[in-house]
Amino acid sequence: GWSFIFYTVGWYRQAPGEQRELVATV
């Protein structure tokens, strides 16, 4: 529904009992 061409995109992860953390962004 939208174009993310101008966006920074990527991945975060969250393990049980842990805070969400950055994995990789582009």
PDB file of all heavy atoms in Angstrom:
ATOM      1  N   GLY A   1       0.779  -1.231   0.000  1.00  0.00           N
ATOM      2  CA  GLY A   1       0.000   0.000   0.000  1.00  0.00           C
ATOM      3  C   GLY A   1       0.808   1.277   0.000  1.00  0.00           C
ATOM      4  O   GLY A   1       0.241   2.367   0.077  1.00  0.00           O
ATOM      5  N   TRP A   2       2.137   1.151  -0.070  1.00  0.00           N
ATOM      6  CA  TRP A   2       2.962   2.355  -0.065  1.00  0.00           C
ATOM      7  C   TRP A   2       4.357   1.991  -0.570  1.00  0.00           C
ATOM      8  O   TRP A   2       4.706   0.827  -0.652  1.00  0.00           O
ATOM      9  CB  TRP A   2       3.070   2.925   1.361  1.00  0.00           C
ATOM     10  CG  TRP A   2       3.561   1.945   2.366  1.00  0.00           C
ATOM     11  CD1 TRP A   2       2.890   0.854   2.849  1.00  0.00           C
ATOM     12  CD2 TRP A   2       4.831   1.895   2.999  1.00  0.00           C
ATOM     13  NE1 TRP A   2       3.648   0.159   3.739  1.00  0.00           N
ATOM     14  CE2 TRP A   2       4.847   0.777   3.866  1.00  0.00           C
ATOM     15  CE3 TRP A   2       5.952   2.718   2.935  1.00  0.00           C
ATOM     16  CZ2 TRP A   2       5.957   0.465   4.647  1.00  0.00           C
ATOM     17  CZ3 TRP A   2       7.043   2.392   3.726  1.00  0.00           C
ATOM     18  CH2 TRP A   2       7.037   1.273   4.564  1.00  0.00           C
ATOM     19  N   SER A   3       5.139   2.977  -0.924  1.00  0.00           N
ATOM     20  CA  SER A   3       6.500   2.759  -1.395  1.00  0.00           C
ATOM     21  C   SER A   3       7.478   3.172  -0.320  1.00  0.00           C
ATOM     22  O   SER A   3       7.379   4.259   0.231  1.00  0.00           O
ATOM     23  CB  SER A   3       6.760   3.586  -2.655  1.00  0.00           C
ATOM     24  OG  SER A   3       8.125   3.535  -3.008  1.00  0.00           O
ATOM     25  N   PHE A   4       8.429   2.281  -0.013  1.00  0.00           N
ATOM     26  CA  PHE A   4       9.387   2.604   1.035  1.00  0.00           C
ATOM     27  C   PHE A   4      10.727   3.059   0.492  1.00  0.00           C
ATOM     28  O   PHE A   4      11.748   2.977   1.160  1.00  0.00           O
ATOM     29  CB  PHE A   4       9.548   1.471   2.040  1.00  0.00           C
ATOM     30  CG  PHE A   4      10.176   0.187   1.571  1.00  0.00           C
ATOM     31  CD1 PHE A   4      11.133   0.125   0.572  1.00  0.00           C
ATOM     32  CD2 PHE A   4       9.814  -1.001   2.181  1.00  0.00           C
ATOM     33  CE1 PHE A   4      11.707  -1.052   0.186  1.00  0.00           C
ATOM     34  CE2 PHE A   4      10.393  -2.197   1.802  1.00  0.00           C
ATOM     35  CZ  PHE A   4      11.338  -2.224   0.813  1.00  0.00           C
ATOM     36  N   ILE A   5      10.732   3.565  -0.731  1.00  0.00           N
ATOM     37  CA  ILE A   5      11.982   3.943  -1.379  1.00  0.00           C
ATOM     38  C   ILE A   5      12.767   4.977  -0.579  1.00  0.00           C
ATOM     39  O   ILE A   5      13.988   4.993  -0.602  1.00  0.00           O
ATOM     40  CB  ILE A   5      11.726   4.440  -2.819  1.00  0.00           C
ATOM     41  CG1 ILE A   5      13.031   4.584  -3.588  1.00  0.00           C
ATOM     42  CG2 ILE A   5      10.940   5.751  -2.807  1.00  0.00           C
ATOM     43  CD1 ILE A   5      12.860   4.843  -5.073  1.00  0.00           C
ATOM     44  N   PHE A   6      12.095   5.843   0.155  1.00  0.00           N
ATOM     45  CA  PHE A   6      12.789   6.882   0.921  1.00  0.00           C
ATOM     46  C   PHE A   6      13.050   6.463   2.373  1.00  0.00           C
ATOM     47  O   PHE A   6      13.611   7.228   3.141  1.00  0.00           O
ATOM     48  CB  PHE A   6      11.982   8.174   0.903  1.00  0.00           C
ATOM     49  CG  PHE A   6      11.839   8.772  -0.462  1.00  0.00           C
ATOM     50  CD1 PHE A   6      10.606   8.853  -1.075  1.00  0.00           C
ATOM     51  CD2 PHE A   6      12.947   9.238  -1.153  1.00  0.00           C
ATOM     52  CE1 PHE A   6      10.462   9.385  -2.336  1.00  0.00           C
ATOM     53  CE2 PHE A   6      12.822   9.783  -2.417  1.00  0.00           C
ATOM     54  CZ  PHE A   6      11.579   9.849  -3.006  1.00  0.00           C
ATOM     55  N   TYR A   7      12.624   5.237   2.713  1.00  0.00           N
ATOM     56  CA  TYR A   7      12.703   4.795   4.090  1.00  0.00           C
ATOM     57  C   TYR A   7      14.001   4.054   4.379  1.00  0.00           C
ATOM     58  O   TYR A   7      14.558   3.372   3.508  1.00  0.00           O
ATOM     59  CB  TYR A   7      11.551   3.840   4.411  1.00  0.00           C
ATOM     60  CG  TYR A   7      10.212   4.496   4.574  1.00  0.00           C
ATOM     61  CD1 TYR A   7       9.580   5.109   3.495  1.00  0.00           C
ATOM     62  CD2 TYR A   7       9.545   4.472   5.792  1.00  0.00           C
ATOM     63  CE1 TYR A   7       8.338   5.689   3.634  1.00  0.00           C
ATOM     64  CE2 TYR A   7       8.297   5.046   5.947  1.00  0.00           C
ATOM     65  CZ  TYR A   7       7.703   5.657   4.868  1.00  0.00           C
ATOM     66  OH  TYR A   7       6.472   6.225   5.017  1.00  0.00           O
ATOM     67  N   THR A   8      14.475   4.170   5.615  1.00  0.00           N
ATOM     68  CA  THR A   8      15.416   3.194   6.144  1.00  0.00           C
ATOM     69  C   THR A   8      14.592   1.969   6.541  1.00  0.00           C
ATOM     70  O   THR A   8      13.566   2.093   7.211  1.00  0.00           O
ATOM     71  CB  THR A   8      16.150   3.752   7.365  1.00  0.00           C
ATOM     72  OG1 THR A   8      17.061   4.759   6.930  1.00  0.00           O
ATOM     73  CG2 THR A   8      16.937   2.660   8.080  1.00  0.00           C
ATOM     74  N   VAL A   9      15.039   0.808   6.115  1.00  0.00           N
ATOM     75  CA  VAL A   9      14.319  -0.433   6.429  1.00  0.00           C
ATOM     76  C   VAL A   9      15.298  -1.428   7.028  1.00  0.00           C
ATOM     77  O   VAL A   9      16.520  -1.303   6.863  1.00  0.00           O
ATOM     78  CB  VAL A   9      13.648  -1.031   5.174  1.00  0.00           C
ATOM     79  CG1 VAL A   9      12.537  -0.130   4.671  1.00  0.00           C
ATOM     80  CG2 VAL A   9      14.658  -1.287   4.070  1.00  0.00           C
ATOM     81  N   GLY A  10      14.739  -2.403   7.726  1.00  0.00           N
ATOM     82  CA  GLY A  10      15.636  -3.395   8.304  1.00  0.00           C
ATOM     83  C   GLY A  10      14.930  -4.337   9.239  1.00  0.00           C
ATOM     84  O   GLY A  10      13.712  -4.551   9.150  1.00  0.00           O
ATOM     85  N   TRP A  11      15.732  -4.922  10.134  1.00  0.00           N
ATOM     86  CA  TRP A  11      15.258  -5.961  11.032  1.00  0.00           C
ATOM     87  C   TRP A  11      15.753  -5.724  12.451  1.00  0.00           C
ATOM     88  O   TRP A  11      16.910  -5.352  12.657  1.00  0.00           O
ATOM     89  CB  TRP A  11      15.766  -7.328  10.548  1.00  0.00           C
ATOM     90  CG  TRP A  11      15.254  -7.691   9.195  1.00  0.00           C
ATOM     91  CD1 TRP A  11      15.819  -7.388   7.987  1.00  0.00           C
ATOM     92  CD2 TRP A  11      14.062  -8.423   8.911  1.00  0.00           C
ATOM     93  NE1 TRP A  11      15.045  -7.880   6.969  1.00  0.00           N
ATOM     94  CE2 TRP A  11      13.950  -8.522   7.507  1.00  0.00           C
ATOM     95  CE3 TRP A  11      13.075  -9.001   9.694  1.00  0.00           C
ATOM     96  CZ2 TRP A  11      12.907  -9.184   6.885  1.00  0.00           C
ATOM     97  CZ3 TRP A  11      12.025  -9.653   9.072  1.00  0.00           C
ATOM     98  CH2 TRP A  11      11.942  -9.743   7.682  1.00  0.00           C
ATOM     99  N   TYR A  12      14.851  -5.964  13.372  1.00  0.00           N
ATOM    100  CA  TYR A  12      15.158  -6.024  14.788  1.00  0.00           C
ATOM    101  C   TYR A  12      14.730  -7.396  15.292  1.00  0.00           C
ATOM    102  O   TYR A  12      13.987  -8.096  14.618  1.00  0.00           O
ATOM    103  CB  TYR A  12      14.409  -4.933  15.556  1.00  0.00           C
ATOM    104  CG  TYR A  12      15.035  -3.561  15.461  1.00  0.00           C
ATOM    105  CD1 TYR A  12      15.050  -2.864  14.260  1.00  0.00           C
ATOM    106  CD2 TYR A  12      15.604  -2.951  16.573  1.00  0.00           C
ATOM    107  CE1 TYR A  12      15.622  -1.608  14.161  1.00  0.00           C
ATOM    108  CE2 TYR A  12      16.176  -1.686  16.504  1.00  0.00           C
ATOM    109  CZ  TYR A  12      16.183  -1.021  15.287  1.00  0.00           C
ATOM    110  OH  TYR A  12      16.749   0.229  15.208  1.00  0.00           O
ATOM    111  N   ARG A  13      15.183  -7.761  16.480  1.00  0.00           N
ATOM    112  CA  ARG A  13      14.758  -9.017  17.080  1.00  0.00           C
ATOM    113  C   ARG A  13      14.597  -8.867  18.581  1.00  0.00           C
ATOM    114  O   ARG A  13      15.206  -7.998  19.200  1.00  0.00           O
ATOM    115  CB  ARG A  13      15.748 -10.146  16.764  1.00  0.00           C
ATOM    116  CG  ARG A  13      17.114  -9.990  17.412  1.00  0.00           C
ATOM    117  CD  ARG A  13      18.049 -11.082  16.900  1.00  0.00           C
ATOM    118  NE  ARG A  13      19.372 -10.978  17.519  1.00  0.00           N
ATOM    119  CZ  ARG A  13      20.421 -11.712  17.159  1.00  0.00           C
ATOM    120  NH1 ARG A  13      20.303 -12.609  16.178  1.00  0.00           N
ATOM    121  NH2 ARG A  13      21.577 -11.559  17.772  1.00  0.00           N
ATOM    122  N   GLN A  14      13.773  -9.746  19.127  1.00  0.00           N
ATOM    123  CA  GLN A  14      13.525  -9.730  20.560  1.00  0.00           C
ATOM    124  C   GLN A  14      13.434 -11.152  21.070  1.00  0.00           C
ATOM    125  O   GLN A  14      12.551 -11.920  20.659  1.00  0.00           O
ATOM    126  CB  GLN A  14      12.249  -8.965  20.897  1.00  0.00           C
ATOM    127  CG  GLN A  14      12.036  -8.740  22.374  1.00  0.00           C
ATOM    128  CD  GLN A  14      10.947  -7.729  22.663  1.00  0.00           C
ATOM    129  OE1 GLN A  14      10.122  -7.414  21.807  1.00  0.00           O
ATOM    130  NE2 GLN A  14      10.949  -7.187  23.865  1.00  0.00           N
ATOM    131  N   ALA A  15      14.366 -11.501  21.951  1.00  0.00           N
ATOM    132  CA  ALA A  15      14.355 -12.807  22.589  1.00  0.00           C
ATOM    133  C   ALA A  15      13.544 -12.723  23.879  1.00  0.00           C
ATOM    134  O   ALA A  15      13.369 -11.633  24.441  1.00  0.00           O
ATOM    135  CB  ALA A  15      15.786 -13.246  22.887  1.00  0.00           C
ATOM    136  N   PRO A  16      13.043 -13.849  24.376  1.00  0.00           N
ATOM    137  CA  PRO A  16      12.256 -13.838  25.610  1.00  0.00           C
ATOM    138  C   PRO A  16      13.026 -13.194  26.760  1.00  0.00           C
ATOM    139  O   PRO A  16      14.183 -13.530  27.008  1.00  0.00           O
ATOM    140  CB  PRO A  16      11.997 -15.326  25.874  1.00  0.00           C
ATOM    141  CG  PRO A  16      12.069 -15.958  24.535  1.00  0.00           C
ATOM    142  CD  PRO A  16      13.122 -15.205  23.784  1.00  0.00           C
ATOM    143  N   GLY A  17      12.383 -12.243  27.432  1.00  0.00           N
ATOM    144  CA  GLY A  17      12.996 -11.594  28.573  1.00  0.00           C
ATOM    145  C   GLY A  17      14.038 -10.551  28.234  1.00  0.00           C
ATOM    146  O   GLY A  17      14.677  -9.992  29.132  1.00  0.00           O
ATOM    147  N   GLU A  18      14.208 -10.293  26.932  1.00  0.00           N
ATOM    148  CA  GLU A  18      15.219  -9.339  26.497  1.00  0.00           C
ATOM    149  C   GLU A  18      14.563  -8.141  25.809  1.00  0.00           C
ATOM    150  O   GLU A  18      13.409  -8.193  25.388  1.00  0.00           O
ATOM    151  CB  GLU A  18      16.197 -10.009  25.526  1.00  0.00           C
ATOM    152  CG  GLU A  18      16.924 -11.208  26.076  1.00  0.00           C
ATOM    153  CD  GLU A  18      17.942 -10.838  27.142  1.00  0.00           C
ATOM    154  OE1 GLU A  18      18.438  -9.695  27.111  1.00  0.00           O
ATOM    155  OE2 GLU A  18      18.219 -11.695  28.014  1.00  0.00           O
ATOM    156  N   GLN A  19      15.329  -7.074  25.679  1.00  0.00           N
ATOM    157  CA  GLN A  19      14.852  -5.912  24.938  1.00  0.00           C
ATOM    158  C   GLN A  19      15.011  -6.150  23.438  1.00  0.00           C
ATOM    159  O   GLN A  19      15.843  -6.949  23.003  1.00  0.00           O
ATOM    160  CB  GLN A  19      15.642  -4.662  25.352  1.00  0.00           C
ATOM    161  CG  GLN A  19      15.353  -4.173  26.752  1.00  0.00           C
ATOM    162  CD  GLN A  19      16.000  -2.829  27.054  1.00  0.00           C
ATOM    163  OE1 GLN A  19      16.994  -2.458  26.444  1.00  0.00           O
ATOM    164  NE2 GLN A  19      15.419  -2.085  27.977  1.00  0.00           N
ATOM    165  N   ARG A  20      14.179  -5.458  22.684  1.00  0.00           N
ATOM    166  CA  ARG A  20      14.304  -5.524  21.228  1.00  0.00           C
ATOM    167  C   ARG A  20      15.640  -4.887  20.830  1.00  0.00           C
ATOM    168  O   ARG A  20      16.017  -3.826  21.328  1.00  0.00           O
ATOM    169  CB  ARG A  20      13.140  -4.796  20.565  1.00  0.00           C
ATOM    170  CG  ARG A  20      13.009  -5.044  19.082  1.00  0.00           C
ATOM    171  CD  ARG A  20      11.732  -4.467  18.523  1.00  0.00           C
ATOM    172  NE  ARG A  20      10.550  -5.108  19.086  1.00  0.00           N
ATOM    173  CZ  ARG A  20       9.311  -4.899  18.631  1.00  0.00           C
ATOM    174  NH1 ARG A  20       9.100  -4.063  17.618  1.00  0.00           N
ATOM    175  NH2 ARG A  20       8.295  -5.516  19.190  1.00  0.00           N
ATOM    176  N   GLU A  21      16.330  -5.555  19.899  1.00  0.00           N
ATOM    177  CA  GLU A  21      17.643  -5.069  19.494  1.00  0.00           C
ATOM    178  C   GLU A  21      17.765  -5.030  17.979  1.00  0.00           C
ATOM    179  O   GLU A  21      17.135  -5.823  17.266  1.00  0.00           O
ATOM    180  CB  GLU A  21      18.750  -5.966  20.062  1.00  0.00           C
ATOM    181  CG  GLU A  21      18.746  -7.386  19.561  1.00  0.00           C
ATOM    182  CD  GLU A  21      19.918  -8.216  20.078  1.00  0.00           C
ATOM    183  OE1 GLU A  21      20.702  -7.708  20.896  1.00  0.00           O
ATOM    184  OE2 GLU A  21      20.054  -9.367  19.627  1.00  0.00           O
ATOM    185  N   LEU A  22      18.604  -4.113  17.515  1.00  0.00           N
ATOM    186  CA  LEU A  22      18.853  -4.006  16.081  1.00  0.00           C
ATOM    187  C   LEU A  22      19.596  -5.225  15.578  1.00  0.00           C
ATOM    188  O   LEU A  22      20.528  -5.711  16.223  1.00  0.00           O
ATOM    189  CB  LEU A  22      19.671  -2.739  15.799  1.00  0.00           C
ATOM    190  CG  LEU A  22      20.062  -2.457  14.365  1.00  0.00           C
ATOM    191  CD1 LEU A  22      20.042  -0.955  14.109  1.00  0.00           C
ATOM    192  CD2 LEU A  22      21.429  -3.013  14.006  1.00  0.00           C
ATOM    193  N   VAL A  23      19.191  -5.704  14.409  1.00  0.00           N
ATOM    194  CA  VAL A  23      19.922  -6.766  13.720  1.00  0.00           C
ATOM    195  C   VAL A  23      20.670  -6.160  12.532  1.00  0.00           C
ATOM    196  O   VAL A  23      21.878  -6.287  12.412  1.00  0.00           O
ATOM    197  CB  VAL A  23      18.978  -7.873  13.241  1.00  0.00           C
ATOM    198  CG1 VAL A  23      19.742  -8.928  12.446  1.00  0.00           C
ATOM    199  CG2 VAL A  23      18.255  -8.508  14.424  1.00  0.00           C
ATOM    200  N   ALA A  24      19.921  -5.506  11.644  1.00  0.00           N
ATOM    201  CA  ALA A  24      20.527  -4.896  10.459  1.00  0.00           C
ATOM    202  C   ALA A  24      19.555  -3.892   9.862  1.00  0.00           C
ATOM    203  O   ALA A  24      18.338  -4.109   9.897  1.00  0.00           O
ATOM    204  CB  ALA A  24      20.876  -5.949   9.413  1.00  0.00           C
ATOM    205  N   THR A  25      20.107  -2.815   9.334  1.00  0.00           N
ATOM    206  CA  THR A  25      19.291  -1.832   8.626  1.00  0.00           C
ATOM    207  C   THR A  25      20.003  -1.410   7.345  1.00  0.00           C
ATOM    208  O   THR A  25      21.232  -1.507   7.237  1.00  0.00           O
ATOM    209  CB  THR A  25      19.017  -0.571   9.466  1.00  0.00           C
ATOM    210  OG1 THR A  25      20.255   0.030   9.827  1.00  0.00           O
ATOM    211  CG2 THR A  25      18.210  -0.887  10.713  1.00  0.00           C
ATOM    212  N   VAL A  26      19.213  -0.934   6.394  1.00  0.00           N
ATOM    213  CA  VAL A  26      19.769  -0.386   5.158  1.00  0.00           C
ATOM    214  C   VAL A  26      19.009   0.899   4.852  1.00  0.00           C
ATOM    215  O   VAL A  26      17.780   0.910   4.830  1.00  0.00           O
ATOM    216  CB  VAL A  26      19.713  -1.395   3.996  1.00  0.00           C
ATOM    217  CG1 VAL A  26      18.337  -1.988   3.793  1.00  0.00           C
ATOM    218  CG2 VAL A  26      20.252  -0.775   2.702  1.00  0.00           C
TER     219      VAL A  26
END
